Each structure stands twice: as C-alpha cells, then as structure tokens.
mmCIF file of all heavy atoms, coordinates in Angstrom:
data_MODEL
# 
_entry.id   MODEL 
# 
loop_
_atom_site.group_PDB 
_atom_site.id 
_atom_site.type_symbol 
_atom_site.label_atom_id 
_atom_site.label_alt_id 
_atom_site.label_comp_id 
_atom_site.label_asym_id 
_atom_site.label_entity_id 
_atom_site.label_seq_id 
_atom_site.pdbx_PDB_ins_code 
_atom_site.Cartn_x 
_atom_site.Cartn_y 
_atom_site.Cartn_z 
_atom_site.occupancy 
_atom_site.B_iso_or_equiv 
_atom_site.pdbx_formal_charge 
_atom_site.auth_seq_id 
_atom_site.auth_comp_id 
_atom_site.auth_asym_id 
_atom_site.auth_atom_id 
_atom_site.pdbx_PDB_model_num 
ATOM 1   N N   . PHE A 1 1  ? -4.563  6.147  7.631   1.00 0.00 ? 1  PHE A N   1 
ATOM 2   C CA  . PHE A 1 1  ? -4.854  5.987  6.214   1.00 0.00 ? 1  PHE A CA  1 
ATOM 3   C C   . PHE A 1 1  ? -3.719  5.279  5.479   1.00 0.00 ? 1  PHE A C   1 
ATOM 4   O O   . PHE A 1 1  ? -3.952  4.550  4.518   1.00 0.00 ? 1  PHE A O   1 
ATOM 5   C CB  . PHE A 1 1  ? -5.140  7.336  5.562   1.00 0.00 ? 1  PHE A CB  1 
ATOM 6   C CG  . PHE A 1 1  ? -6.399  7.993  6.074   1.00 0.00 ? 1  PHE A CG  1 
ATOM 7   C CD1 . PHE A 1 1  ? -6.494  9.362  6.121   1.00 0.00 ? 1  PHE A CD1 1 
ATOM 8   C CD2 . PHE A 1 1  ? -7.488  7.256  6.494   1.00 0.00 ? 1  PHE A CD2 1 
ATOM 9   C CE1 . PHE A 1 1  ? -7.647  9.989  6.570   1.00 0.00 ? 1  PHE A CE1 1 
ATOM 10  C CE2 . PHE A 1 1  ? -8.647  7.856  6.946   1.00 0.00 ? 1  PHE A CE2 1 
ATOM 11  C CZ  . PHE A 1 1  ? -8.730  9.229  6.992   1.00 0.00 ? 1  PHE A CZ  1 
ATOM 12  N N   . TYR A 1 2  ? -2.497  5.493  5.922   1.00 0.00 ? 2  TYR A N   1 
ATOM 13  C CA  . TYR A 1 2  ? -1.364  4.818  5.300   1.00 0.00 ? 2  TYR A CA  1 
ATOM 14  C C   . TYR A 1 2  ? -1.457  3.312  5.542   1.00 0.00 ? 2  TYR A C   1 
ATOM 15  O O   . TYR A 1 2  ? -1.219  2.514  4.644   1.00 0.00 ? 2  TYR A O   1 
ATOM 16  C CB  . TYR A 1 2  ? -0.041  5.362  5.840   1.00 0.00 ? 2  TYR A CB  1 
ATOM 17  C CG  . TYR A 1 2  ? 0.189   6.804  5.476   1.00 0.00 ? 2  TYR A CG  1 
ATOM 18  C CD1 . TYR A 1 2  ? -0.070  7.833  6.369   1.00 0.00 ? 2  TYR A CD1 1 
ATOM 19  C CD2 . TYR A 1 2  ? 0.665   7.146  4.215   1.00 0.00 ? 2  TYR A CD2 1 
ATOM 20  C CE1 . TYR A 1 2  ? 0.139   9.156  6.033   1.00 0.00 ? 2  TYR A CE1 1 
ATOM 21  C CE2 . TYR A 1 2  ? 0.880   8.475  3.853   1.00 0.00 ? 2  TYR A CE2 1 
ATOM 22  C CZ  . TYR A 1 2  ? 0.609   9.468  4.779   1.00 0.00 ? 2  TYR A CZ  1 
ATOM 23  O OH  . TYR A 1 2  ? 0.812   10.788 4.430   1.00 0.00 ? 2  TYR A OH  1 
ATOM 24  N N   . LYS A 1 3  ? -1.825  2.941  6.756   1.00 0.00 ? 3  LYS A N   1 
ATOM 25  C CA  . LYS A 1 3  ? -1.972  1.524  7.099   1.00 0.00 ? 3  LYS A CA  1 
ATOM 26  C C   . LYS A 1 3  ? -3.137  0.914  6.318   1.00 0.00 ? 3  LYS A C   1 
ATOM 27  O O   . LYS A 1 3  ? -3.040  -0.220 5.853   1.00 0.00 ? 3  LYS A O   1 
ATOM 28  C CB  . LYS A 1 3  ? -2.204  1.381  8.598   1.00 0.00 ? 3  LYS A CB  1 
ATOM 29  C CG  . LYS A 1 3  ? -2.251  -0.044 9.077   1.00 0.00 ? 3  LYS A CG  1 
ATOM 30  C CD  . LYS A 1 3  ? -2.409  -0.120 10.576  1.00 0.00 ? 3  LYS A CD  1 
ATOM 31  C CE  . LYS A 1 3  ? -2.538  -1.557 11.017  1.00 0.00 ? 3  LYS A CE  1 
ATOM 32  N NZ  . LYS A 1 3  ? -2.800  -1.644 12.462  1.00 0.00 ? 3  LYS A NZ  1 
ATOM 33  N N   . ASP A 1 4  ? -4.239  1.655  6.178   1.00 0.00 ? 4  ASP A N   1 
ATOM 34  C CA  . ASP A 1 4  ? -5.386  1.159  5.418   1.00 0.00 ? 4  ASP A CA  1 
ATOM 35  C C   . ASP A 1 4  ? -4.990  0.787  3.997   1.00 0.00 ? 4  ASP A C   1 
ATOM 36  O O   . ASP A 1 4  ? -5.495  -0.185 3.435   1.00 0.00 ? 4  ASP A O   1 
ATOM 37  C CB  . ASP A 1 4  ? -6.514  2.198  5.361   1.00 0.00 ? 4  ASP A CB  1 
ATOM 38  C CG  . ASP A 1 4  ? -7.266  2.331  6.676   1.00 0.00 ? 4  ASP A CG  1 
ATOM 39  O OD1 . ASP A 1 4  ? -7.069  1.500  7.581   1.00 0.00 ? 4  ASP A OD1 1 
ATOM 40  O OD2 . ASP A 1 4  ? -8.066  3.290  6.784   1.00 0.00 ? 4  ASP A OD2 1 
ATOM 41  N N   . LEU A 1 5  ? -4.085  1.567  3.408   1.00 0.00 ? 5  LEU A N   1 
ATOM 42  C CA  . LEU A 1 5  ? -3.641  1.305  2.041   1.00 0.00 ? 5  LEU A CA  1 
ATOM 43  C C   . LEU A 1 5  ? -2.401  0.413  1.975   1.00 0.00 ? 5  LEU A C   1 
ATOM 44  O O   . LEU A 1 5  ? -2.011  -0.039 0.903   1.00 0.00 ? 5  LEU A O   1 
ATOM 45  C CB  . LEU A 1 5  ? -3.346  2.622  1.315   1.00 0.00 ? 5  LEU A CB  1 
ATOM 46  C CG  . LEU A 1 5  ? -4.562  3.482  1.002   1.00 0.00 ? 5  LEU A CG  1 
ATOM 47  C CD1 . LEU A 1 5  ? -4.127  4.824  0.426   1.00 0.00 ? 5  LEU A CD1 1 
ATOM 48  C CD2 . LEU A 1 5  ? -5.487  2.779  0.032   1.00 0.00 ? 5  LEU A CD2 1 
ATOM 49  N N   . GLY A 1 6  ? -1.763  0.189  3.127   1.00 0.00 ? 6  GLY A N   1 
ATOM 50  C CA  . GLY A 1 6  ? -0.573  -0.655 3.163   1.00 0.00 ? 6  GLY A CA  1 
ATOM 51  C C   . GLY A 1 6  ? 0.648   -0.007 2.539   1.00 0.00 ? 6  GLY A C   1 
ATOM 52  O O   . GLY A 1 6  ? 1.470   -0.681 1.922   1.00 0.00 ? 6  GLY A O   1 
ATOM 53  N N   . VAL A 1 7  ? 0.755   1.313  2.705   1.00 0.00 ? 7  VAL A N   1 
ATOM 54  C CA  . VAL A 1 7  ? 1.900   2.049  2.160   1.00 0.00 ? 7  VAL A CA  1 
ATOM 55  C C   . VAL A 1 7  ? 2.604   2.805  3.288   1.00 0.00 ? 7  VAL A C   1 
ATOM 56  O O   . VAL A 1 7  ? 1.982   3.138  4.295   1.00 0.00 ? 7  VAL A O   1 
ATOM 57  C CB  . VAL A 1 7  ? 1.480   3.054  1.052   1.00 0.00 ? 7  VAL A CB  1 
ATOM 58  C CG1 . VAL A 1 7  ? 0.905   2.318  -0.139  1.00 0.00 ? 7  VAL A CG1 1 
ATOM 59  C CG2 . VAL A 1 7  ? 0.506   4.080  1.564   1.00 0.00 ? 7  VAL A CG2 1 
ATOM 60  N N   . PRO A 1 8  ? 3.902   3.098  3.121   1.00 0.00 ? 8  PRO A N   1 
ATOM 61  C CA  . PRO A 1 8  ? 4.602   3.890  4.140   1.00 0.00 ? 8  PRO A CA  1 
ATOM 62  C C   . PRO A 1 8  ? 4.220   5.364  4.037   1.00 0.00 ? 8  PRO A C   1 
ATOM 63  O O   . PRO A 1 8  ? 3.703   5.816  3.015   1.00 0.00 ? 8  PRO A O   1 
ATOM 64  C CB  . PRO A 1 8  ? 6.075   3.675  3.797   1.00 0.00 ? 8  PRO A CB  1 
ATOM 65  C CG  . PRO A 1 8  ? 6.081   3.392  2.334   1.00 0.00 ? 8  PRO A CG  1 
ATOM 66  C CD  . PRO A 1 8  ? 4.795   2.658  2.050   1.00 0.00 ? 8  PRO A CD  1 
ATOM 67  N N   . ARG A 1 9  ? 4.498   6.112  5.074   1.00 0.00 ? 9  ARG A N   1 
ATOM 68  C CA  . ARG A 1 9  ? 4.200   7.556  5.082   1.00 0.00 ? 9  ARG A CA  1 
ATOM 69  C C   . ARG A 1 9  ? 4.982   8.307  4.000   1.00 0.00 ? 9  ARG A C   1 
ATOM 70  O O   . ARG A 1 9  ? 4.595   9.391  3.609   1.00 0.00 ? 9  ARG A O   1 
ATOM 71  C CB  . ARG A 1 9  ? 4.518   8.169  6.448   1.00 0.00 ? 9  ARG A CB  1 
ATOM 72  C CG  . ARG A 1 9  ? 3.519   7.768  7.496   1.00 0.00 ? 9  ARG A CG  1 
ATOM 73  C CD  . ARG A 1 9  ? 3.663   8.614  8.751   1.00 0.00 ? 9  ARG A CD  1 
ATOM 74  N NE  . ARG A 1 9  ? 2.559   8.361  9.648   1.00 0.00 ? 9  ARG A NE  1 
ATOM 75  C CZ  . ARG A 1 9  ? 1.389   8.977  9.599   1.00 0.00 ? 9  ARG A CZ  1 
ATOM 76  N NH1 . ARG A 1 9  ? 1.177   9.893  8.708   1.00 0.00 ? 9  ARG A NH1 1 
ATOM 77  N NH2 . ARG A 1 9  ? 0.439   8.680  10.455  1.00 0.00 ? 9  ARG A NH2 1 
ATOM 78  N N   . THR A 1 10 ? 6.036   7.711  3.525   1.00 0.00 ? 10 THR A N   1 
ATOM 79  C CA  . THR A 1 10 ? 6.860   8.345  2.498   1.00 0.00 ? 10 THR A CA  1 
ATOM 80  C C   . THR A 1 10 ? 6.422   7.964  1.082   1.00 0.00 ? 10 THR A C   1 
ATOM 81  O O   . THR A 1 10 ? 7.097   8.308  0.113   1.00 0.00 ? 10 THR A O   1 
ATOM 82  C CB  . THR A 1 10 ? 8.339   7.949  2.682   1.00 0.00 ? 10 THR A CB  1 
ATOM 83  O OG1 . THR A 1 10 ? 8.421   6.520  2.633   1.00 0.00 ? 10 THR A OG1 1 
ATOM 84  C CG2 . THR A 1 10 ? 8.893   8.473  3.998   1.00 0.00 ? 10 THR A CG2 1 
ATOM 85  N N   . ALA A 1 11 ? 5.298   7.275  0.965   1.00 0.00 ? 11 ALA A N   1 
ATOM 86  C CA  . ALA A 1 11 ? 4.826   6.776  -0.334  1.00 0.00 ? 11 ALA A CA  1 
ATOM 87  C C   . ALA A 1 11 ? 4.574   7.923  -1.308  1.00 0.00 ? 11 ALA A C   1 
ATOM 88  O O   . ALA A 1 11 ? 4.082   8.988  -0.923  1.00 0.00 ? 11 ALA A O   1 
ATOM 89  C CB  . ALA A 1 11 ? 3.556   5.966  -0.160  1.00 0.00 ? 11 ALA A CB  1 
ATOM 90  N N   . THR A 1 12 ? 4.910   7.680  -2.550  1.00 0.00 ? 12 THR A N   1 
ATOM 91  C CA  . THR A 1 12 ? 4.651   8.662  -3.601  1.00 0.00 ? 12 THR A CA  1 
ATOM 92  C C   . THR A 1 12 ? 3.200   8.559  -4.048  1.00 0.00 ? 12 THR A C   1 
ATOM 93  O O   . THR A 1 12 ? 2.499   7.594  -3.718  1.00 0.00 ? 12 THR A O   1 
ATOM 94  C CB  . THR A 1 12 ? 5.558   8.408  -4.816  1.00 0.00 ? 12 THR A CB  1 
ATOM 95  O OG1 . THR A 1 12 ? 5.211   7.138  -5.380  1.00 0.00 ? 12 THR A OG1 1 
ATOM 96  C CG2 . THR A 1 12 ? 7.025   8.452  -4.446  1.00 0.00 ? 12 THR A CG2 1 
ATOM 97  N N   . GLU A 1 13 ? 2.774   9.541  -4.827  1.00 0.00 ? 13 GLU A N   1 
ATOM 98  C CA  . GLU A 1 13 ? 1.409   9.536  -5.345  1.00 0.00 ? 13 GLU A CA  1 
ATOM 99  C C   . GLU A 1 13 ? 1.145   8.284  -6.176  1.00 0.00 ? 13 GLU A C   1 
ATOM 100 O O   . GLU A 1 13 ? 0.080   7.674  -6.064  1.00 0.00 ? 13 GLU A O   1 
ATOM 101 C CB  . GLU A 1 13 ? 1.180   10.795 -6.186  1.00 0.00 ? 13 GLU A CB  1 
ATOM 102 C CG  . GLU A 1 13 ? -0.250  10.955 -6.638  1.00 0.00 ? 13 GLU A CG  1 
ATOM 103 C CD  . GLU A 1 13 ? -0.464  12.249 -7.401  1.00 0.00 ? 13 GLU A CD  1 
ATOM 104 O OE1 . GLU A 1 13 ? 0.033   13.297 -6.951  1.00 0.00 ? 13 GLU A OE1 1 
ATOM 105 O OE2 . GLU A 1 13 ? -1.145  12.195 -8.441  1.00 0.00 ? 13 GLU A OE2 1 
ATOM 106 N N   . SER A 1 14 ? 2.091   7.881  -6.981  1.00 0.00 ? 14 SER A N   1 
ATOM 107 C CA  . SER A 1 14 ? 1.893   6.695  -7.821  1.00 0.00 ? 14 SER A CA  1 
ATOM 108 C C   . SER A 1 14 ? 1.819   5.420  -6.986  1.00 0.00 ? 14 SER A C   1 
ATOM 109 O O   . SER A 1 14 ? 1.049   4.505  -7.305  1.00 0.00 ? 14 SER A O   1 
ATOM 110 C CB  . SER A 1 14 ? 2.976   6.586  -8.895  1.00 0.00 ? 14 SER A CB  1 
ATOM 111 O OG  . SER A 1 14 ? 4.235   6.405  -8.321  1.00 0.00 ? 14 SER A OG  1 
ATOM 112 N N   . GLU A 1 15 ? 2.581   5.336  -5.900  1.00 0.00 ? 15 GLU A N   1 
ATOM 113 C CA  . GLU A 1 15 ? 2.513   4.170  -5.007  1.00 0.00 ? 15 GLU A CA  1 
ATOM 114 C C   . GLU A 1 15 ? 1.154   4.104  -4.314  1.00 0.00 ? 15 GLU A C   1 
ATOM 115 O O   . GLU A 1 15 ? 0.583   3.018  -4.165  1.00 0.00 ? 15 GLU A O   1 
ATOM 116 C CB  . GLU A 1 15 ? 3.625   4.226  -3.966  1.00 0.00 ? 15 GLU A CB  1 
ATOM 117 C CG  . GLU A 1 15 ? 5.011   4.011  -4.523  1.00 0.00 ? 15 GLU A CG  1 
ATOM 118 C CD  . GLU A 1 15 ? 6.111   4.281  -3.507  1.00 0.00 ? 15 GLU A CD  1 
ATOM 119 O OE1 . GLU A 1 15 ? 5.965   5.201  -2.668  1.00 0.00 ? 15 GLU A OE1 1 
ATOM 120 O OE2 . GLU A 1 15 ? 7.126   3.569  -3.573  1.00 0.00 ? 15 GLU A OE2 1 
ATOM 121 N N   . ILE A 1 16 ? 0.643   5.259  -3.900  1.00 0.00 ? 16 ILE A N   1 
ATOM 122 C CA  . ILE A 1 16 ? -0.666  5.310  -3.248  1.00 0.00 ? 16 ILE A CA  1 
ATOM 123 C C   . ILE A 1 16 ? -1.754  4.920  -4.236  1.00 0.00 ? 16 ILE A C   1 
ATOM 124 O O   . ILE A 1 16 ? -2.644  4.117  -3.929  1.00 0.00 ? 16 ILE A O   1 
ATOM 125 C CB  . ILE A 1 16 ? -0.925  6.717  -2.665  1.00 0.00 ? 16 ILE A CB  1 
ATOM 126 C CG1 . ILE A 1 16 ? 0.034   6.986  -1.502  1.00 0.00 ? 16 ILE A CG1 1 
ATOM 127 C CG2 . ILE A 1 16 ? -2.382  6.864  -2.223  1.00 0.00 ? 16 ILE A CG2 1 
ATOM 128 C CD1 . ILE A 1 16 ? 0.064   8.424  -1.038  1.00 0.00 ? 16 ILE A CD1 1 
ATOM 129 N N   . ARG A 1 17 ? -1.670  5.451  -5.432  1.00 0.00 ? 17 ARG A N   1 
ATOM 130 C CA  . ARG A 1 17 ? -2.657  5.146  -6.473  1.00 0.00 ? 17 ARG A CA  1 
ATOM 131 C C   . ARG A 1 17 ? -2.659  3.647  -6.803  1.00 0.00 ? 17 ARG A C   1 
ATOM 132 O O   . ARG A 1 17 ? -3.707  3.015  -6.940  1.00 0.00 ? 17 ARG A O   1 
ATOM 133 C CB  . ARG A 1 17 ? -2.364  5.972  -7.717  1.00 0.00 ? 17 ARG A CB  1 
ATOM 134 C CG  . ARG A 1 17 ? -3.502  6.093  -8.678  1.00 0.00 ? 17 ARG A CG  1 
ATOM 135 C CD  . ARG A 1 17 ? -3.194  7.053  -9.817  1.00 0.00 ? 17 ARG A CD  1 
ATOM 136 N NE  . ARG A 1 17 ? -2.809  8.398  -9.404  1.00 0.00 ? 17 ARG A NE  1 
ATOM 137 C CZ  . ARG A 1 17 ? -3.652  9.353  -9.036  1.00 0.00 ? 17 ARG A CZ  1 
ATOM 138 N NH1 . ARG A 1 17 ? -4.922  9.111  -9.026  1.00 0.00 ? 17 ARG A NH1 1 
ATOM 139 N NH2 . ARG A 1 17 ? -3.207  10.540 -8.685  1.00 0.00 ? 17 ARG A NH2 1 
ATOM 140 N N   . LYS A 1 18 ? -1.473  3.055  -6.911  1.00 0.00 ? 18 LYS A N   1 
ATOM 141 C CA  . LYS A 1 18 ? -1.348  1.627  -7.224  1.00 0.00 ? 18 LYS A CA  1 
ATOM 142 C C   . LYS A 1 18 ? -1.936  0.770  -6.100  1.00 0.00 ? 18 LYS A C   1 
ATOM 143 O O   . LYS A 1 18 ? -2.674  -0.186 -6.349  1.00 0.00 ? 18 LYS A O   1 
ATOM 144 C CB  . LYS A 1 18 ? 0.118   1.270  -7.453  1.00 0.00 ? 18 LYS A CB  1 
ATOM 145 C CG  . LYS A 1 18 ? 0.345   -0.163 -7.835  1.00 0.00 ? 18 LYS A CG  1 
ATOM 146 C CD  . LYS A 1 18 ? 1.809   -0.444 -8.091  1.00 0.00 ? 18 LYS A CD  1 
ATOM 147 C CE  . LYS A 1 18 ? 2.011   -1.902 -8.451  1.00 0.00 ? 18 LYS A CE  1 
ATOM 148 N NZ  . LYS A 1 18 ? 3.426   -2.201 -8.680  1.00 0.00 ? 18 LYS A NZ  1 
ATOM 149 N N   . ALA A 1 19 ? -1.618  1.125  -4.853  1.00 0.00 ? 19 ALA A N   1 
ATOM 150 C CA  . ALA A 1 19 ? -2.148  0.384  -3.713  1.00 0.00 ? 19 ALA A CA  1 
ATOM 151 C C   . ALA A 1 19 ? -3.671  0.492  -3.660  1.00 0.00 ? 19 ALA A C   1 
ATOM 152 O O   . ALA A 1 19 ? -4.373  -0.502 -3.412  1.00 0.00 ? 19 ALA A O   1 
ATOM 153 C CB  . ALA A 1 19 ? -1.532  0.905  -2.411  1.00 0.00 ? 19 ALA A CB  1 
ATOM 154 N N   . TYR A 1 20 ? -4.185  1.686  -3.918  1.00 0.00 ? 20 TYR A N   1 
ATOM 155 C CA  . TYR A 1 20 ? -5.637  1.883  -3.918  1.00 0.00 ? 20 TYR A CA  1 
ATOM 156 C C   . TYR A 1 20 ? -6.296  1.013  -4.982  1.00 0.00 ? 20 TYR A C   1 
ATOM 157 O O   . TYR A 1 20 ? -7.298  0.337  -4.711  1.00 0.00 ? 20 TYR A O   1 
ATOM 158 C CB  . TYR A 1 20 ? -6.000  3.351  -4.147  1.00 0.00 ? 20 TYR A CB  1 
ATOM 159 C CG  . TYR A 1 20 ? -7.455  3.516  -4.494  1.00 0.00 ? 20 TYR A CG  1 
ATOM 160 C CD1 . TYR A 1 20 ? -8.441  3.297  -3.540  1.00 0.00 ? 20 TYR A CD1 1 
ATOM 161 C CD2 . TYR A 1 20 ? -7.850  3.850  -5.789  1.00 0.00 ? 20 TYR A CD2 1 
ATOM 162 C CE1 . TYR A 1 20 ? -9.782  3.412  -3.870  1.00 0.00 ? 20 TYR A CE1 1 
ATOM 163 C CE2 . TYR A 1 20 ? -9.188  3.972  -6.116  1.00 0.00 ? 20 TYR A CE2 1 
ATOM 164 C CZ  . TYR A 1 20 ? -10.147 3.747  -5.145  1.00 0.00 ? 20 TYR A CZ  1 
ATOM 165 O OH  . TYR A 1 20 ? -11.473 3.840  -5.472  1.00 0.00 ? 20 TYR A OH  1 
ATOM 166 N N   . ARG A 1 21 ? -5.766  1.022  -6.189  1.00 0.00 ? 21 ARG A N   1 
ATOM 167 C CA  . ARG A 1 21 ? -6.370  0.230  -7.275  1.00 0.00 ? 21 ARG A CA  1 
ATOM 168 C C   . ARG A 1 21 ? -6.418  -1.249 -6.925  1.00 0.00 ? 21 ARG A C   1 
ATOM 169 O O   . ARG A 1 21 ? -7.427  -1.919 -7.158  1.00 0.00 ? 21 ARG A O   1 
ATOM 170 C CB  . ARG A 1 21 ? -5.591  0.434  -8.567  1.00 0.00 ? 21 ARG A CB  1 
ATOM 171 C CG  . ARG A 1 21 ? -5.863  1.754  -9.220  1.00 0.00 ? 21 ARG A CG  1 
ATOM 172 C CD  . ARG A 1 21 ? -5.243  1.804  -10.611 1.00 0.00 ? 21 ARG A CD  1 
ATOM 173 N NE  . ARG A 1 21 ? -5.218  3.162  -11.090 1.00 0.00 ? 21 ARG A NE  1 
ATOM 174 C CZ  . ARG A 1 21 ? -4.142  3.807  -11.493 1.00 0.00 ? 21 ARG A CZ  1 
ATOM 175 N NH1 . ARG A 1 21 ? -2.976  3.190  -11.493 1.00 0.00 ? 21 ARG A NH1 1 
ATOM 176 N NH2 . ARG A 1 21 ? -4.201  5.044  -11.904 1.00 0.00 ? 21 ARG A NH2 1 
ATOM 177 N N   . ASN A 1 22 ? -5.330  -1.765 -6.375  1.00 0.00 ? 22 ASN A N   1 
ATOM 178 C CA  . ASN A 1 22 ? -5.287  -3.187 -6.013  1.00 0.00 ? 22 ASN A CA  1 
ATOM 179 C C   . ASN A 1 22 ? -6.310  -3.524 -4.934  1.00 0.00 ? 22 ASN A C   1 
ATOM 180 O O   . ASN A 1 22 ? -7.028  -4.517 -5.034  1.00 0.00 ? 22 ASN A O   1 
ATOM 181 C CB  . ASN A 1 22 ? -3.889  -3.583 -5.545  1.00 0.00 ? 22 ASN A CB  1 
ATOM 182 C CG  . ASN A 1 22 ? -2.889  -3.626 -6.676  1.00 0.00 ? 22 ASN A CG  1 
ATOM 183 O OD1 . ASN A 1 22 ? -3.248  -3.825 -7.835  1.00 0.00 ? 22 ASN A OD1 1 
ATOM 184 N ND2 . ASN A 1 22 ? -1.624  -3.428 -6.355  1.00 0.00 ? 22 ASN A ND2 1 
ATOM 185 N N   . LEU A 1 23 ? -6.375  -2.697 -3.897  1.00 0.00 ? 23 LEU A N   1 
ATOM 186 C CA  . LEU A 1 23 ? -7.302  -2.964 -2.798  1.00 0.00 ? 23 LEU A CA  1 
ATOM 187 C C   . LEU A 1 23 ? -8.749  -2.734 -3.211  1.00 0.00 ? 23 LEU A C   1 
ATOM 188 O O   . LEU A 1 23 ? -9.644  -3.471 -2.793  1.00 0.00 ? 23 LEU A O   1 
ATOM 189 C CB  . LEU A 1 23 ? -6.942  -2.109 -1.581  1.00 0.00 ? 23 LEU A CB  1 
ATOM 190 C CG  . LEU A 1 23 ? -5.619  -2.487 -0.911  1.00 0.00 ? 23 LEU A CG  1 
ATOM 191 C CD1 . LEU A 1 23 ? -5.238  -1.453 0.137   1.00 0.00 ? 23 LEU A CD1 1 
ATOM 192 C CD2 . LEU A 1 23 ? -5.717  -3.865 -0.287  1.00 0.00 ? 23 LEU A CD2 1 
ATOM 193 N N   . ALA A 1 24 ? -8.993  -1.705 -4.022  1.00 0.00 ? 24 ALA A N   1 
ATOM 194 C CA  . ALA A 1 24 ? -10.356 -1.436 -4.482  1.00 0.00 ? 24 ALA A CA  1 
ATOM 195 C C   . ALA A 1 24 ? -10.861 -2.599 -5.329  1.00 0.00 ? 24 ALA A C   1 
ATOM 196 O O   . ALA A 1 24 ? -12.025 -3.001 -5.209  1.00 0.00 ? 24 ALA A O   1 
ATOM 197 C CB  . ALA A 1 24 ? -10.401 -0.129 -5.276  1.00 0.00 ? 24 ALA A CB  1 
ATOM 198 N N   . ARG A 1 25 ? -10.002 -3.132 -6.155  1.00 0.00 ? 25 ARG A N   1 
ATOM 199 C CA  . ARG A 1 25 ? -10.378 -4.286 -6.976  1.00 0.00 ? 25 ARG A CA  1 
ATOM 200 C C   . ARG A 1 25 ? -10.689 -5.493 -6.077  1.00 0.00 ? 25 ARG A C   1 
ATOM 201 O O   . ARG A 1 25 ? -11.659 -6.217 -6.308  1.00 0.00 ? 25 ARG A O   1 
ATOM 202 C CB  . ARG A 1 25 ? -9.230  -4.618 -7.928  1.00 0.00 ? 25 ARG A CB  1 
ATOM 203 C CG  . ARG A 1 25 ? -9.600  -5.536 -9.044  1.00 0.00 ? 25 ARG A CG  1 
ATOM 204 C CD  . ARG A 1 25 ? -8.467  -5.733 -10.064 1.00 0.00 ? 25 ARG A CD  1 
ATOM 205 N NE  . ARG A 1 25 ? -7.915  -4.483 -10.541 1.00 0.00 ? 25 ARG A NE  1 
ATOM 206 C CZ  . ARG A 1 25 ? -6.625  -4.137 -10.419 1.00 0.00 ? 25 ARG A CZ  1 
ATOM 207 N NH1 . ARG A 1 25 ? -5.772  -4.942 -9.858  1.00 0.00 ? 25 ARG A NH1 1 
ATOM 208 N NH2 . ARG A 1 25 ? -6.195  -2.978 -10.886 1.00 0.00 ? 25 ARG A NH2 1 
ATOM 209 N N   . LYS A 1 26 ? -9.881  -5.689 -5.046  1.00 0.00 ? 26 LYS A N   1 
ATOM 210 C CA  . LYS A 1 26 ? -10.044 -6.837 -4.144  1.00 0.00 ? 26 LYS A CA  1 
ATOM 211 C C   . LYS A 1 26 ? -11.333 -6.739 -3.323  1.00 0.00 ? 26 LYS A C   1 
ATOM 212 O O   . LYS A 1 26 ? -12.023 -7.738 -3.125  1.00 0.00 ? 26 LYS A O   1 
ATOM 213 C CB  . LYS A 1 26 ? -8.838  -6.912 -3.205  1.00 0.00 ? 26 LYS A CB  1 
ATOM 214 C CG  . LYS A 1 26 ? -8.884  -8.038 -2.215  1.00 0.00 ? 26 LYS A CG  1 
ATOM 215 C CD  . LYS A 1 26 ? -7.628  -8.052 -1.371  1.00 0.00 ? 26 LYS A CD  1 
ATOM 216 C CE  . LYS A 1 26 ? -7.669  -9.170 -0.342  1.00 0.00 ? 26 LYS A CE  1 
ATOM 217 N NZ  . LYS A 1 26 ? -6.448  -9.191 0.466   1.00 0.00 ? 26 LYS A NZ  1 
ATOM 218 N N   . TYR A 1 27 ? -11.656 -5.542 -2.823  1.00 0.00 ? 27 TYR A N   1 
ATOM 219 C CA  . TYR A 1 27 ? -12.776 -5.377 -1.898  1.00 0.00 ? 27 TYR A CA  1 
ATOM 220 C C   . TYR A 1 27 ? -14.036 -4.791 -2.529  1.00 0.00 ? 27 TYR A C   1 
ATOM 221 O O   . TYR A 1 27 ? -14.996 -4.510 -1.824  1.00 0.00 ? 27 TYR A O   1 
ATOM 222 C CB  . TYR A 1 27 ? -12.356 -4.502 -0.713  1.00 0.00 ? 27 TYR A CB  1 
ATOM 223 C CG  . TYR A 1 27 ? -11.317 -5.166 0.150   1.00 0.00 ? 27 TYR A CG  1 
ATOM 224 C CD1 . TYR A 1 27 ? -10.019 -4.671 0.208   1.00 0.00 ? 27 TYR A CD1 1 
ATOM 225 C CD2 . TYR A 1 27 ? -11.623 -6.295 0.899   1.00 0.00 ? 27 TYR A CD2 1 
ATOM 226 C CE1 . TYR A 1 27 ? -9.053  -5.286 0.989   1.00 0.00 ? 27 TYR A CE1 1 
ATOM 227 C CE2 . TYR A 1 27 ? -10.668 -6.913 1.683   1.00 0.00 ? 27 TYR A CE2 1 
ATOM 228 C CZ  . TYR A 1 27 ? -9.394  -6.404 1.726   1.00 0.00 ? 27 TYR A CZ  1 
ATOM 229 O OH  . TYR A 1 27 ? -8.443  -7.014 2.501   1.00 0.00 ? 27 TYR A OH  1 
# 
C-alpha cells in the first residue's frame, strides 16, 4: 500500500493524505 501511494513506510498521515489526493485526482 505504501508503494501504491508512493510514500515511505514512515510517512505521516498528512503525507499519505496528500499523496492520495494527488493520485486520486490523476486516476
């Protein structure tokens, strides 16, 4: 799941949320 979002395992909640928003918008 970390790779799917392009974030490291140490990612914070805000980093995960930001990555999700960008990818969700793209796809």
